[in-house]
């Protein structure tokens, strides 16, 4: 099943969602997203002034919650995607980042592994 998608250069829906979210998070990080979406994300450096790995890495702040509806929200999933992405990947220009993410996802798809872990790839 996966190889058919790979041969057609079309990502499965799960991978496509990941790609789109990663690209949107890049726009949010660079303040190019619409204001209502931008407001859903907060830099860790805005929460506290301590010099931590997360604040230096330009991570987004993740609010704690026990409600599953909040845990599975767009802002939580987007924050997780961005914060888990290697810094080297985040620092790429937008066009290069888009190509690199798509390349990584197709490599994962070709290996028929649906688990996405950027830290082991870059």
PDB file of N, CA and C in Angstrom:
ATOM      1  N   UNK A   1       0.827  -1.200   0.000  1.00  0.00           N
ATOM      2  CA  UNK A   1       0.000   0.000   0.000  1.00  0.00           C
ATOM      3  C   UNK A   1       0.861   1.250   0.000  1.00  0.00           C
ATOM      4  N   UNK A   2       1.871   1.299   0.867  1.00  0.00           N
ATOM      5  CA  UNK A   2       2.712   2.490   0.948  1.00  0.00           C
ATOM      6  C   UNK A   2       3.485   2.712  -0.340  1.00  0.00           C
ATOM      7  N   UNK A   3       3.961   1.642  -0.965  1.00  0.00           N
ATOM      8  CA  UNK A   3       4.768   1.789  -2.165  1.00  0.00           C
ATOM      9  C   UNK A   3       3.967   2.406  -3.307  1.00  0.00           C
ATOM     10  N   UNK A   4       2.671   2.168  -3.367  1.00  0.00           N
ATOM     11  CA  UNK A   4       1.844   2.788  -4.394  1.00  0.00           C
ATOM     12  C   UNK A   4       1.832   4.299  -4.229  1.00  0.00           C
ATOM     13  N   UNK A   5       1.721   4.758  -2.984  1.00  0.00           N
ATOM     14  CA  UNK A   5       1.759   6.199  -2.734  1.00  0.00           C
ATOM     15  C   UNK A   5       3.127   6.762  -3.073  1.00  0.00           C
ATOM     16  N   UNK A   6       4.163   6.032  -2.742  1.00  0.00           N
ATOM     17  CA  UNK A   6       5.521   6.482  -2.972  1.00  0.00           C
ATOM     18  C   UNK A   6       5.796   6.608  -4.463  1.00  0.00           C
ATOM     19  N   UNK A   7       5.360   5.604  -5.239  1.00  0.00           N
ATOM     20  CA  UNK A   7       5.572   5.637  -6.679  1.00  0.00           C
ATOM     21  C   UNK A   7       4.832   6.794  -7.325  1.00  0.00           C
ATOM     22  N   UNK A   8       3.707   7.171  -6.792  1.00  0.00           N
ATOM     23  CA  UNK A   8       2.903   8.257  -7.356  1.00  0.00           C
ATOM     24  C   UNK A   8       3.326   9.620  -6.815  1.00  0.00           C
ATOM     25  N   UNK A   9       4.347   9.652  -5.950  1.00  0.00           N
ATOM     26  CA  UNK A   9       4.828  10.897  -5.334  1.00  0.00           C
ATOM     27  C   UNK A   9       3.742  11.604  -4.536  1.00  0.00           C
ATOM     28  N   UNK A  10       2.865  10.811  -3.931  1.00  0.00           N
ATOM     29  CA  UNK A  10       1.803  11.353  -3.094  1.00  0.00           C
ATOM     30  C   UNK A  10       1.963  10.756  -1.702  1.00  0.00           C
ATOM     31  N   UNK A  11       1.984  11.631  -0.713  1.00  0.00           N
ATOM     32  CA  UNK A  11       2.106  11.167   0.663  1.00  0.00           C
ATOM     33  C   UNK A  11       0.764  10.696   1.199  1.00  0.00           C
ATOM     34  N   UNK A  12       0.770   9.691   2.067  1.00  0.00           N
ATOM     35  CA  UNK A  12      -0.473   9.307   2.746  1.00  0.00           C
ATOM     36  C   UNK A  12      -0.966  10.478   3.600  1.00  0.00           C
ATOM     37  N   UNK A  13      -2.231  10.463   3.925  1.00  0.00           N
ATOM     38  CA  UNK A  13      -2.851  11.565   4.651  1.00  0.00           C
ATOM     39  C   UNK A  13      -2.123  11.909   5.947  1.00  0.00           C
ATOM     40  N   UNK A  14      -1.739  10.910   6.715  1.00  0.00           N
ATOM     41  CA  UNK A  14      -1.039  11.127   7.980  1.00  0.00           C
ATOM     42  C   UNK A  14       0.267  11.894   7.765  1.00  0.00           C
ATOM     43  N   UNK A  15       1.015  11.520   6.742  1.00  0.00           N
ATOM     44  CA  UNK A  15       2.277  12.175   6.426  1.00  0.00           C
ATOM     45  C   UNK A  15       2.028  13.578   5.870  1.00  0.00           C
ATOM     46  N   UNK A  16       0.996  13.707   5.052  1.00  0.00           N
ATOM     47  CA  UNK A  16       0.659  15.005   4.480  1.00  0.00           C
ATOM     48  C   UNK A  16       0.293  15.998   5.577  1.00  0.00           C
ATOM     49  N   UNK A  17      -0.465  15.554   6.566  1.00  0.00           N
ATOM     50  CA  UNK A  17      -0.815  16.418   7.700  1.00  0.00           C
ATOM     51  C   UNK A  17       0.434  16.854   8.451  1.00  0.00           C
ATOM     52  N   UNK A  18       1.349  15.934   8.655  1.00  0.00           N
ATOM     53  CA  UNK A  18       2.597  16.252   9.348  1.00  0.00           C
ATOM     54  C   UNK A  18       3.381  17.297   8.557  1.00  0.00           C
ATOM     55  N   UNK A  19       3.467  17.102   7.247  1.00  0.00           N
ATOM     56  CA  UNK A  19       4.193  18.039   6.389  1.00  0.00           C
ATOM     57  C   UNK A  19       3.570  19.441   6.458  1.00  0.00           C
ATOM     58  N   UNK A  20       2.265  19.506   6.337  1.00  0.00           N
ATOM     59  CA  UNK A  20       1.574  20.794   6.372  1.00  0.00           C
ATOM     60  C   UNK A  20       1.727  21.492   7.721  1.00  0.00           C
ATOM     61  N   UNK A  21       1.626  20.728   8.810  1.00  0.00           N
ATOM     62  CA  UNK A  21       1.810  21.310  10.141  1.00  0.00           C
ATOM     63  C   UNK A  21       3.226  21.823  10.338  1.00  0.00           C
ATOM     64  N   UNK A  22       4.209  21.070   9.908  1.00  0.00           N
ATOM     65  CA  UNK A  22       5.604  21.500  10.053  1.00  0.00           C
ATOM     66  C   UNK A  22       5.846  22.789   9.279  1.00  0.00           C
ATOM     67  N   UNK A  23       5.295  22.886   8.081  1.00  0.00           N
ATOM     68  CA  UNK A  23       5.449  24.101   7.286  1.00  0.00           C
ATOM     69  C   UNK A  23       4.709  25.284   7.918  1.00  0.00           C
ATOM     70  N   UNK A  24       3.533  25.035   8.460  1.00  0.00           N
ATOM     71  CA  UNK A  24       2.781  26.102   9.130  1.00  0.00           C
ATOM     72  C   UNK A  24       3.509  26.582  10.372  1.00  0.00           C
ATOM     73  N   UNK A  25       4.105  25.656  11.114  1.00  0.00           N
ATOM     74  CA  UNK A  25       4.853  26.043  12.311  1.00  0.00           C
ATOM     75  C   UNK A  25       6.054  26.898  11.954  1.00  0.00           C
ATOM     76  N   UNK A  26       6.658  26.645  10.812  1.00  0.00           N
ATOM     77  CA  UNK A  26       7.750  27.503  10.343  1.00  0.00           C
ATOM     78  C   UNK A  26       7.229  28.926  10.137  1.00  0.00           C
ATOM     79  N   UNK A  27       6.063  29.041   9.509  1.00  0.00           N
ATOM     80  CA  UNK A  27       5.462  30.366   9.282  1.00  0.00           C
ATOM     81  C   UNK A  27       5.115  31.047  10.606  1.00  0.00           C
ATOM     82  N   UNK A  28       4.618  30.277  11.557  1.00  0.00           N
ATOM     83  CA  UNK A  28       4.290  30.829  12.877  1.00  0.00           C
ATOM     84  C   UNK A  28       5.554  31.306  13.566  1.00  0.00           C
ATOM     85  N   UNK A  29       6.607  30.514  13.517  1.00  0.00           N
ATOM     86  CA  UNK A  29       7.870  30.887  14.155  1.00  0.00           C
ATOM     87  C   UNK A  29       8.427  32.184  13.581  1.00  0.00           C
ATOM     88  N   UNK A  30       8.244  32.397  12.279  1.00  0.00           N
ATOM     89  CA  UNK A  30       8.762  33.592  11.619  1.00  0.00           C
ATOM     90  C   UNK A  30       7.720  34.705  11.501  1.00  0.00           C
ATOM     91  N   UNK A  31       6.634  34.556  12.260  1.00  0.00           N
ATOM     92  CA  UNK A  31       5.578  35.584  12.352  1.00  0.00           C
ATOM     93  C   UNK A  31       4.938  35.921  11.007  1.00  0.00           C
ATOM     94  N   UNK A  32       4.772  34.899  10.173  1.00  0.00           N
ATOM     95  CA  UNK A  32       4.133  35.079   8.867  1.00  0.00           C
ATOM     96  C   UNK A  32       2.753  34.438   8.790  1.00  0.00           C
ATOM     97  N   UNK A  33       2.267  33.919   9.900  1.00  0.00           N
ATOM     98  CA  UNK A  33       0.956  33.257   9.930  1.00  0.00           C
ATOM     99  C   UNK A  33      -0.116  34.288  10.311  1.00  0.00           C
ATOM    100  N   UNK A  34      -1.374  33.996   9.997  1.00  0.00           N
ATOM    101  CA  UNK A  34      -2.453  34.897  10.423  1.00  0.00           C
ATOM    102  C   UNK A  34      -2.450  35.063  11.944  1.00  0.00           C
ATOM    103  N   UNK A  35      -2.863  36.232  12.400  1.00  0.00           N
ATOM    104  CA  UNK A  35      -2.827  36.576  13.819  1.00  0.00           C
ATOM    105  C   UNK A  35      -3.564  35.605  14.723  1.00  0.00           C
ATOM    106  N   UNK A  36      -4.742  35.135  14.300  1.00  0.00           N
ATOM    107  CA  UNK A  36      -5.504  34.221  15.162  1.00  0.00           C
ATOM    108  C   UNK A  36      -4.789  32.892  15.349  1.00  0.00           C
ATOM    109  N   UNK A  37      -4.043  32.450  14.365  1.00  0.00           N
ATOM    110  CA  UNK A  37      -3.262  31.224  14.503  1.00  0.00           C
ATOM    111  C   UNK A  37      -1.994  31.511  15.304  1.00  0.00           C
ATOM    112  N   UNK A  38      -1.377  32.642  15.011  1.00  0.00           N
ATOM    113  CA  UNK A  38      -0.159  33.051  15.706  1.00  0.00           C
ATOM    114  C   UNK A  38      -0.384  33.129  17.217  1.00  0.00           C
ATOM    115  N   UNK A  39      -1.567  33.575  17.621  1.00  0.00           N
ATOM    116  CA  UNK A  39      -1.880  33.751  19.038  1.00  0.00           C
ATOM    117  C   UNK A  39      -1.989  32.428  19.807  1.00  0.00           C
ATOM    118  N   UNK A  40      -2.106  31.317  19.107  1.00  0.00           N
ATOM    119  CA  UNK A  40      -2.210  30.009  19.760  1.00  0.00           C
ATOM    120  C   UNK A  40      -0.865  29.510  20.282  1.00  0.00           C
ATOM    121  N   UNK A  41       0.215  30.136  19.836  1.00  0.00           N
ATOM    122  CA  UNK A  41       1.555  29.673  20.180  1.00  0.00           C
ATOM    123  C   UNK A  41       2.310  30.761  20.919  1.00  0.00           C
ATOM    124  N   UNK A  42       3.052  30.345  21.916  1.00  0.00           N
ATOM    125  CA  UNK A  42       3.786  31.271  22.765  1.00  0.00           C
ATOM    126  C   UNK A  42       5.215  30.767  22.930  1.00  0.00           C
ATOM    127  N   UNK A  43       6.174  31.663  22.776  1.00  0.00           N
ATOM    128  CA  UNK A  43       7.579  31.293  22.962  1.00  0.00           C
ATOM    129  C   UNK A  43       7.866  31.017  24.426  1.00  0.00           C
ATOM    130  N   UNK A  44       8.741  30.066  24.677  1.00  0.00           N
ATOM    131  CA  UNK A  44       9.148  29.789  26.059  1.00  0.00           C
ATOM    132  C   UNK A  44       9.824  31.017  26.654  1.00  0.00           C
ATOM    133  N   UNK A  45      10.552  31.763  25.826  1.00  0.00           N
ATOM    134  CA  UNK A  45      11.249  32.949  26.325  1.00  0.00           C
ATOM    135  C   UNK A  45      10.267  34.013  26.822  1.00  0.00           C
ATOM    136  N   UNK A  46       9.003  33.957  26.392  1.00  0.00           N
ATOM    137  CA  UNK A  46       7.982  34.882  26.891  1.00  0.00           C
ATOM    138  C   UNK A  46       7.440  34.437  28.247  1.00  0.00           C
ATOM    139  N   UNK A  47       7.611  33.180  28.589  1.00  0.00           N
ATOM    140  CA  UNK A  47       7.097  32.628  29.842  1.00  0.00           C
ATOM    141  C   UNK A  47       8.049  32.921  30.988  1.00  0.00           C
ATOM    142  N   UNK A  48       9.340  32.738  30.736  1.00  0.00           N
ATOM    143  CA  UNK A  48      10.336  33.019  31.777  1.00  0.00           C
ATOM    144  C   UNK A  48      11.605  33.559  31.134  1.00  0.00           C
ATOM    145  N   UNK A  49      12.447  34.192  31.933  1.00  0.00           N
ATOM    146  CA  UNK A  49      13.661  34.807  31.403  1.00  0.00           C
ATOM    147  C   UNK A  49      14.906  33.949  31.627  1.00  0.00           C
ATOM    148  N   UNK A  50      14.734  32.729  32.098  1.00  0.00           N
ATOM    149  CA  UNK A  50      15.878  31.851  32.336  1.00  0.00           C
ATOM    150  C   UNK A  50      16.458  31.370  31.019  1.00  0.00           C
ATOM    151  N   UNK A  51      17.752  31.203  30.977  1.00  0.00           N
ATOM    152  CA  UNK A  51      18.427  30.678  29.801  1.00  0.00           C
ATOM    153  C   UNK A  51      18.424  29.161  29.864  1.00  0.00           C
ATOM    154  N   UNK A  52      17.442  28.541  29.267  1.00  0.00           N
ATOM    155  CA  UNK A  52      17.350  27.080  29.254  1.00  0.00           C
ATOM    156  C   UNK A  52      17.552  26.568  27.833  1.00  0.00           C
ATOM    157  N   UNK A  53      17.729  25.255  27.688  1.00  0.00           N
ATOM    158  CA  UNK A  53      17.880  24.684  26.347  1.00  0.00           C
ATOM    159  C   UNK A  53      16.651  24.981  25.493  1.00  0.00           C
ATOM    160  N   UNK A  54      15.470  24.925  26.098  1.00  0.00           N
ATOM    161  CA  UNK A  54      14.239  25.169  25.349  1.00  0.00           C
ATOM    162  C   UNK A  54      14.127  26.607  24.885  1.00  0.00           C
ATOM    163  N   UNK A  55      14.493  27.552  25.736  1.00  0.00           N
ATOM    164  CA  UNK A  55      14.366  28.963  25.354  1.00  0.00           C
ATOM    165  C   UNK A  55      15.415  29.332  24.311  1.00  0.00           C
ATOM    166  N   UNK A  56      16.617  28.799  24.439  1.00  0.00           N
ATOM    167  CA  UNK A  56      17.683  29.072  23.472  1.00  0.00           C
ATOM    168  C   UNK A  56      17.361  28.417  22.130  1.00  0.00           C
ATOM    169  N   UNK A  57      16.634  27.316  22.160  1.00  0.00           N
ATOM    170  CA  UNK A  57      16.292  26.579  20.941  1.00  0.00           C
ATOM    171  C   UNK A  57      15.079  27.155  20.221  1.00  0.00           C
ATOM    172  N   UNK A  58      14.499  28.223  20.742  1.00  0.00           N
ATOM    173  CA  UNK A  58      13.286  28.829  20.164  1.00  0.00           C
ATOM    174  C   UNK A  58      12.107  27.865  20.159  1.00  0.00           C
ATOM    175  N   UNK A  59      11.972  27.102  21.218  1.00  0.00           N
ATOM    176  CA  UNK A  59      10.835  26.202  21.362  1.00  0.00           C
ATOM    177  C   UNK A  59       9.587  26.988  21.727  1.00  0.00           C
ATOM    178  N   UNK A  60       8.450  26.380  21.441  1.00  0.00           N
ATOM    179  CA  UNK A  60       7.175  26.943  21.864  1.00  0.00           C
ATOM    180  C   UNK A  60       6.815  26.386  23.235  1.00  0.00           C
ATOM    181  N   UNK A  61       6.055  27.142  23.985  1.00  0.00           N
ATOM    182  CA  UNK A  61       5.618  26.745  25.321  1.00  0.00           C
ATOM    183  C   UNK A  61       4.438  25.787  25.194  1.00  0.00           C
ATOM    184  N   UNK A  62       4.469  24.714  25.977  1.00  0.00           N
ATOM    185  CA  UNK A  62       3.368  23.757  26.026  1.00  0.00           C
ATOM    186  C   UNK A  62       2.668  23.895  27.367  1.00  0.00           C
ATOM    187  N   UNK A  63       1.420  24.308  27.334  1.00  0.00           N
ATOM    188  CA  UNK A  63       0.651  24.421  28.578  1.00  0.00           C
ATOM    189  C   UNK A  63       0.273  23.029  29.051  1.00  0.00           C
ATOM    190  N   UNK A  64       0.286  22.862  30.361  1.00  0.00           N
ATOM    191  CA  UNK A  64      -0.108  21.556  30.897  1.00  0.00           C
ATOM    192  C   UNK A  64      -1.627  21.475  31.017  1.00  0.00           C
ATOM    193  N   UNK A  65      -2.136  20.280  30.785  1.00  0.00           N
ATOM    194  CA  UNK A  65      -3.570  20.039  30.889  1.00  0.00           C
ATOM    195  C   UNK A  65      -3.801  18.546  30.981  1.00  0.00           C
ATOM    196  N   UNK A  66      -4.839  18.182  31.699  1.00  0.00           N
ATOM    197  CA  UNK A  66      -5.202  16.771  31.792  1.00  0.00           C
ATOM    198  C   UNK A  66      -6.380  16.430  30.893  1.00  0.00           C
ATOM    199  N   UNK A  67      -6.965  17.421  30.253  1.00  0.00           N
ATOM    200  CA  UNK A  67      -8.111  17.179  29.382  1.00  0.00           C
ATOM    201  C   UNK A  67      -7.633  16.676  28.022  1.00  0.00           C
ATOM    202  N   UNK A  68      -8.177  15.551  27.582  1.00  0.00           N
ATOM    203  CA  UNK A  68      -7.727  14.971  26.315  1.00  0.00           C
ATOM    204  C   UNK A  68      -8.053  15.875  25.133  1.00  0.00           C
ATOM    205  N   UNK A  69      -9.117  16.649  25.232  1.00  0.00           N
ATOM    206  CA  UNK A  69      -9.467  17.546  24.123  1.00  0.00           C
ATOM    207  C   UNK A  69      -8.392  18.614  23.933  1.00  0.00           C
ATOM    208  N   UNK A  70      -7.771  19.056  25.026  1.00  0.00           N
ATOM    209  CA  UNK A  70      -6.693  20.032  24.914  1.00  0.00           C
ATOM    210  C   UNK A  70      -5.381  19.369  24.513  1.00  0.00           C
ATOM    211  N   UNK A  71      -5.138  18.177  25.008  1.00  0.00           N
ATOM    212  CA  UNK A  71      -3.908  17.456  24.676  1.00  0.00           C
ATOM    213  C   UNK A  71      -3.849  17.170  23.180  1.00  0.00           C
ATOM    214  N   UNK A  72      -4.992  16.920  22.563  1.00  0.00           N
ATOM    215  CA  UNK A  72      -5.048  16.605  21.137  1.00  0.00           C
ATOM    216  C   UNK A  72      -5.370  17.816  20.267  1.00  0.00           C
ATOM    217  N   UNK A  73      -5.233  19.009  20.812  1.00  0.00           N
ATOM    218  CA  UNK A  73      -5.568  20.218  20.062  1.00  0.00           C
ATOM    219  C   UNK A  73      -4.478  20.567  19.046  1.00  0.00           C
ATOM    220  N   UNK A  74      -4.836  21.392  18.096  1.00  0.00           N
ATOM    221  CA  UNK A  74      -3.920  21.836  17.047  1.00  0.00           C
ATOM    222  C   UNK A  74      -2.678  22.488  17.631  1.00  0.00           C
ATOM    223  N   UNK A  75      -2.856  23.342  18.624  1.00  0.00           N
ATOM    224  CA  UNK A  75      -1.709  24.054  19.188  1.00  0.00           C
ATOM    225  C   UNK A  75      -0.760  23.108  19.922  1.00  0.00           C
ATOM    226  N   UNK A  76      -1.287  22.108  20.594  1.00  0.00           N
ATOM    227  CA  UNK A  76      -0.431  21.140  21.301  1.00  0.00           C
ATOM    228  C   UNK A  76       0.341  20.265  20.313  1.00  0.00           C
ATOM    229  N   UNK A  77      -0.358  19.770  19.313  1.00  0.00           N
ATOM    230  CA  UNK A  77       0.299  18.907  18.333  1.00  0.00           C
ATOM    231  C   UNK A  77       1.338  19.709  17.550  1.00  0.00           C
ATOM    232  N   UNK A  78       0.983  20.925  17.158  1.00  0.00           N
ATOM    233  CA  UNK A  78       1.921  21.786  16.443  1.00  0.00           C
ATOM    234  C   UNK A  78       3.151  22.105  17.272  1.00  0.00           C
ATOM    235  N   UNK A  79       2.943  22.411  18.553  1.00  0.00           N
ATOM    236  CA  UNK A  79       4.061  22.687  19.453  1.00  0.00           C
ATOM    237  C   UNK A  79       4.970  21.473  19.561  1.00  0.00           C
ATOM    238  N   UNK A  80       4.386  20.304  19.679  1.00  0.00           N
ATOM    239  CA  UNK A  80       5.175  19.073  19.798  1.00  0.00           C
ATOM    240  C   UNK A  80       5.993  18.837  18.526  1.00  0.00           C
ATOM    241  N   UNK A  81       5.390  19.022  17.377  1.00  0.00           N
ATOM    242  CA  UNK A  81       6.096  18.832  16.110  1.00  0.00           C
ATOM    243  C   UNK A  81       7.288  19.781  16.029  1.00  0.00           C
ATOM    244  N   UNK A  82       7.055  21.059  16.330  1.00  0.00           N
ATOM    245  CA  UNK A  82       8.126  22.053  16.226  1.00  0.00           C
ATOM    246  C   UNK A  82       9.234  21.784  17.243  1.00  0.00           C
ATOM    247  N   UNK A  83       8.865  21.522  18.472  1.00  0.00           N
ATOM    248  CA  UNK A  83       9.863  21.338  19.521  1.00  0.00           C
ATOM    249  C   UNK A  83      10.698  20.077  19.329  1.00  0.00           C
ATOM    250  N   UNK A  84      10.152  19.069  18.658  1.00  0.00           N
ATOM    251  CA  UNK A  84      10.893  17.830  18.419  1.00  0.00           C
ATOM    252  C   UNK A  84      11.757  17.891  17.159  1.00  0.00           C
ATOM    253  N   UNK A  85      11.525  18.890  16.332  1.00  0.00           N
ATOM    254  CA  UNK A  85      12.305  19.040  15.117  1.00  0.00           C
ATOM    255  C   UNK A  85      13.726  19.500  15.468  1.00  0.00           C
ATOM    256  N   UNK A  86      14.749  18.895  14.872  1.00  0.00           N
ATOM    257  CA  UNK A  86      16.118  19.330  15.165  1.00  0.00           C
ATOM    258  C   UNK A  86      16.322  20.806  14.809  1.00  0.00           C
ATOM    259  N   UNK A  87      17.154  21.465  15.571  1.00  0.00           N
ATOM    260  CA  UNK A  87      17.416  22.894  15.350  1.00  0.00           C
ATOM    261  C   UNK A  87      17.994  23.126  13.959  1.00  0.00           C
ATOM    262  N   UNK A  88      18.829  22.203  13.512  1.00  0.00           N
ATOM    263  CA  UNK A  88      19.428  22.354  12.180  1.00  0.00           C
ATOM    264  C   UNK A  88      18.361  22.399  11.091  1.00  0.00           C
ATOM    265  N   UNK A  89      17.288  21.667  11.269  1.00  0.00           N
ATOM    266  CA  UNK A  89      16.192  21.661  10.304  1.00  0.00           C
ATOM    267  C   UNK A  89      15.375  22.947  10.412  1.00  0.00           C
ATOM    268  N   UNK A  90      15.152  23.416  11.628  1.00  0.00           N
ATOM    269  CA  UNK A  90      14.373  24.643  11.850  1.00  0.00           C
ATOM    270  C   UNK A  90      15.042  25.883  11.274  1.00  0.00           C
ATOM    271  N   UNK A  91      16.364  25.874  11.201  1.00  0.00           N
ATOM    272  CA  UNK A  91      17.114  27.052  10.752  1.00  0.00           C
ATOM    273  C   UNK A  91      17.213  27.153   9.231  1.00  0.00           C
ATOM    274  N   UNK A  92      16.726  26.150   8.534  1.00  0.00           N
ATOM    275  CA  UNK A  92      16.791  26.173   7.075  1.00  0.00           C
ATOM    276  C   UNK A  92      15.850  27.238   6.514  1.00  0.00           C
ATOM    277  N   UNK A  93      16.160  27.782   5.338  1.00  0.00           N
ATOM    278  CA  UNK A  93      15.204  28.678   4.675  1.00  0.00           C
ATOM    279  C   UNK A  93      13.919  27.923   4.351  1.00  0.00           C
ATOM    280  N   UNK A  94      12.822  28.640   4.209  1.00  0.00           N
ATOM    281  CA  UNK A  94      11.505  28.025   4.031  1.00  0.00           C
ATOM    282  C   UNK A  94      11.464  27.013   2.887  1.00  0.00           C
ATOM    283  N   UNK A  95      11.961  27.379   1.714  1.00  0.00           N
ATOM    284  CA  UNK A  95      11.892  26.470   0.565  1.00  0.00           C
ATOM    285  C   UNK A  95      12.725  25.214   0.790  1.00  0.00           C
ATOM    286  N   UNK A  96      13.885  25.364   1.398  1.00  0.00           N
ATOM    287  CA  UNK A  96      14.749  24.214   1.681  1.00  0.00           C
ATOM    288  C   UNK A  96      14.091  23.325   2.730  1.00  0.00           C
ATOM    289  N   UNK A  97      13.491  23.944   3.764  1.00  0.00           N
ATOM    290  CA  UNK A  97      12.803  23.179   4.805  1.00  0.00           C
ATOM    291  C   UNK A  97      11.673  22.354   4.205  1.00  0.00           C
ATOM    292  N   UNK A  98      10.876  22.952   3.347  1.00  0.00           N
ATOM    293  CA  UNK A  98       9.764  22.224   2.723  1.00  0.00           C
ATOM    294  C   UNK A  98      10.262  21.006   1.956  1.00  0.00           C
ATOM    295  N   UNK A  99      11.309  21.203   1.162  1.00  0.00           N
ATOM    296  CA  UNK A  99      11.860  20.076   0.387  1.00  0.00           C
ATOM    297  C   UNK A  99      12.433  19.006   1.304  1.00  0.00           C
ATOM    298  N   UNK A 100      13.140  19.424   2.346  1.00  0.00           N
ATOM    299  CA  UNK A 100      13.784  18.482   3.263  1.00  0.00           C
ATOM    300  C   UNK A 100      12.735  17.651   4.010  1.00  0.00           C
ATOM    301  N   UNK A 101      11.675  18.299   4.485  1.00  0.00           N
ATOM    302  CA  UNK A 101      10.613  17.567   5.184  1.00  0.00           C
ATOM    303  C   UNK A 101       9.975  16.544   4.252  1.00  0.00           C
ATOM    304  N   UNK A 102       9.666  16.971   3.039  1.00  0.00           N
ATOM    305  CA  UNK A 102       9.057  16.051   2.071  1.00  0.00           C
ATOM    306  C   UNK A 102      10.008  14.893   1.773  1.00  0.00           C
ATOM    307  N   UNK A 103      11.288  15.190   1.610  1.00  0.00           N
ATOM    308  CA  UNK A 103      12.285  14.148   1.354  1.00  0.00           C
ATOM    309  C   UNK A 103      12.340  13.157   2.516  1.00  0.00           C
ATOM    310  N   UNK A 104      12.369  13.651   3.735  1.00  0.00           N
ATOM    311  CA  UNK A 104      12.424  12.790   4.921  1.00  0.00           C
ATOM    312  C   UNK A 104      11.181  11.905   4.995  1.00  0.00           C
ATOM    313  N   UNK A 105      10.020  12.497   4.743  1.00  0.00           N
ATOM    314  CA  UNK A 105       8.781  11.724   4.811  1.00  0.00           C
ATOM    315  C   UNK A 105       8.744  10.632   3.740  1.00  0.00           C
ATOM    316  N   UNK A 106       9.217  10.937   2.528  1.00  0.00           N
ATOM    317  CA  UNK A 106       9.256   9.908   1.488  1.00  0.00           C
ATOM    318  C   UNK A 106      10.271   8.822   1.821  1.00  0.00           C
ATOM    319  N   UNK A 107      11.381   9.185   2.464  1.00  0.00           N
ATOM    320  CA  UNK A 107      12.354   8.175   2.890  1.00  0.00           C
ATOM    321  C   UNK A 107      11.730   7.246   3.925  1.00  0.00           C
ATOM    322  N   UNK A 108      10.982   7.817   4.839  1.00  0.00           N
ATOM    323  CA  UNK A 108      10.297   7.003   5.852  1.00  0.00           C
ATOM    324  C   UNK A 108       9.257   6.112   5.174  1.00  0.00           C
ATOM    325  N   UNK A 109       8.537   6.695   4.244  1.00  0.00           N
ATOM    326  CA  UNK A 109       7.514   5.941   3.518  1.00  0.00           C
ATOM    327  C   UNK A 109       8.143   4.801   2.724  1.00  0.00           C
ATOM    328  N   UNK A 110       9.284   5.050   2.109  1.00  0.00           N
ATOM    329  CA  UNK A 110       9.961   4.016   1.321  1.00  0.00           C
ATOM    330  C   UNK A 110      10.419   2.866   2.202  1.00  0.00           C
ATOM    331  N   UNK A 111      10.757   3.188   3.428  1.00  0.00           N
ATOM    332  CA  UNK A 111      11.172   2.121   4.341  1.00  0.00           C
ATOM    333  C   UNK A 111       9.971   1.467   5.016  1.00  0.00           C
ATOM    334  N   UNK A 112       8.763   1.930   4.653  1.00  0.00           N
ATOM    335  CA  UNK A 112       7.501   1.427   5.199  1.00  0.00           C
ATOM    336  C   UNK A 112       7.446   1.533   6.711  1.00  0.00           C
ATOM    337  N   UNK A 113       8.011   2.598   7.218  1.00  0.00           N
ATOM    338  CA  UNK A 113       8.006   2.871   8.647  1.00  0.00           C
ATOM    339  C   UNK A 113       7.184   4.131   8.863  1.00  0.00           C
ATOM    340  N   UNK A 114       6.078   4.033   9.561  1.00  0.00           N
ATOM    341  CA  UNK A 114       5.205   5.179   9.737  1.00  0.00           C
ATOM    342  C   UNK A 114       5.559   6.021  10.956  1.00  0.00           C
ATOM    343  N   UNK A 115       6.584   5.640  11.696  1.00  0.00           N
ATOM    344  CA  UNK A 115       6.997   6.404  12.868  1.00  0.00           C
ATOM    345  C   UNK A 115       7.946   7.515  12.434  1.00  0.00           C
ATOM    346  N   UNK A 116       7.615   8.755  12.760  1.00  0.00           N
ATOM    347  CA  UNK A 116       8.413   9.899  12.357  1.00  0.00           C
ATOM    348  C   UNK A 116       9.252  10.369  13.533  1.00  0.00           C
ATOM    349  N   UNK A 117      10.569  10.276  13.385  1.00  0.00           N
ATOM    350  CA  UNK A 117      11.484  10.750  14.407  1.00  0.00           C
ATOM    351  C   UNK A 117      12.606  11.502  13.710  1.00  0.00           C
ATOM    352  N   UNK A 118      12.445  12.817  13.582  1.00  0.00           N
ATOM    353  CA  UNK A 118      13.416  13.644  12.871  1.00  0.00           C
ATOM    354  C   UNK A 118      14.786  13.620  13.526  1.00  0.00           C
ATOM    355  N   UNK A 119      14.845  13.439  14.828  1.00  0.00           N
ATOM    356  CA  UNK A 119      16.129  13.515  15.516  1.00  0.00           C
ATOM    357  C   UNK A 119      17.097  12.431  15.053  1.00  0.00           C
ATOM    358  N   UNK A 120      16.596  11.324  14.573  1.00  0.00           N
ATOM    359  CA  UNK A 120      17.460  10.243  14.111  1.00  0.00           C
ATOM    360  C   UNK A 120      17.840  10.395  12.645  1.00  0.00           C
ATOM    361  N   UNK A 121      17.162  11.267  11.921  1.00  0.00           N
ATOM    362  CA  UNK A 121      17.375  11.417  10.500  1.00  0.00           C
ATOM    363  C   UNK A 121      18.377  12.523  10.191  1.00  0.00           C
ATOM    364  N   UNK A 122      18.273  13.633  10.870  1.00  0.00           N
ATOM    365  CA  UNK A 122      19.126  14.782  10.561  1.00  0.00           C
ATOM    366  C   UNK A 122      20.350  14.784  11.438  1.00  0.00           C
TER     367      UNK A 122
END
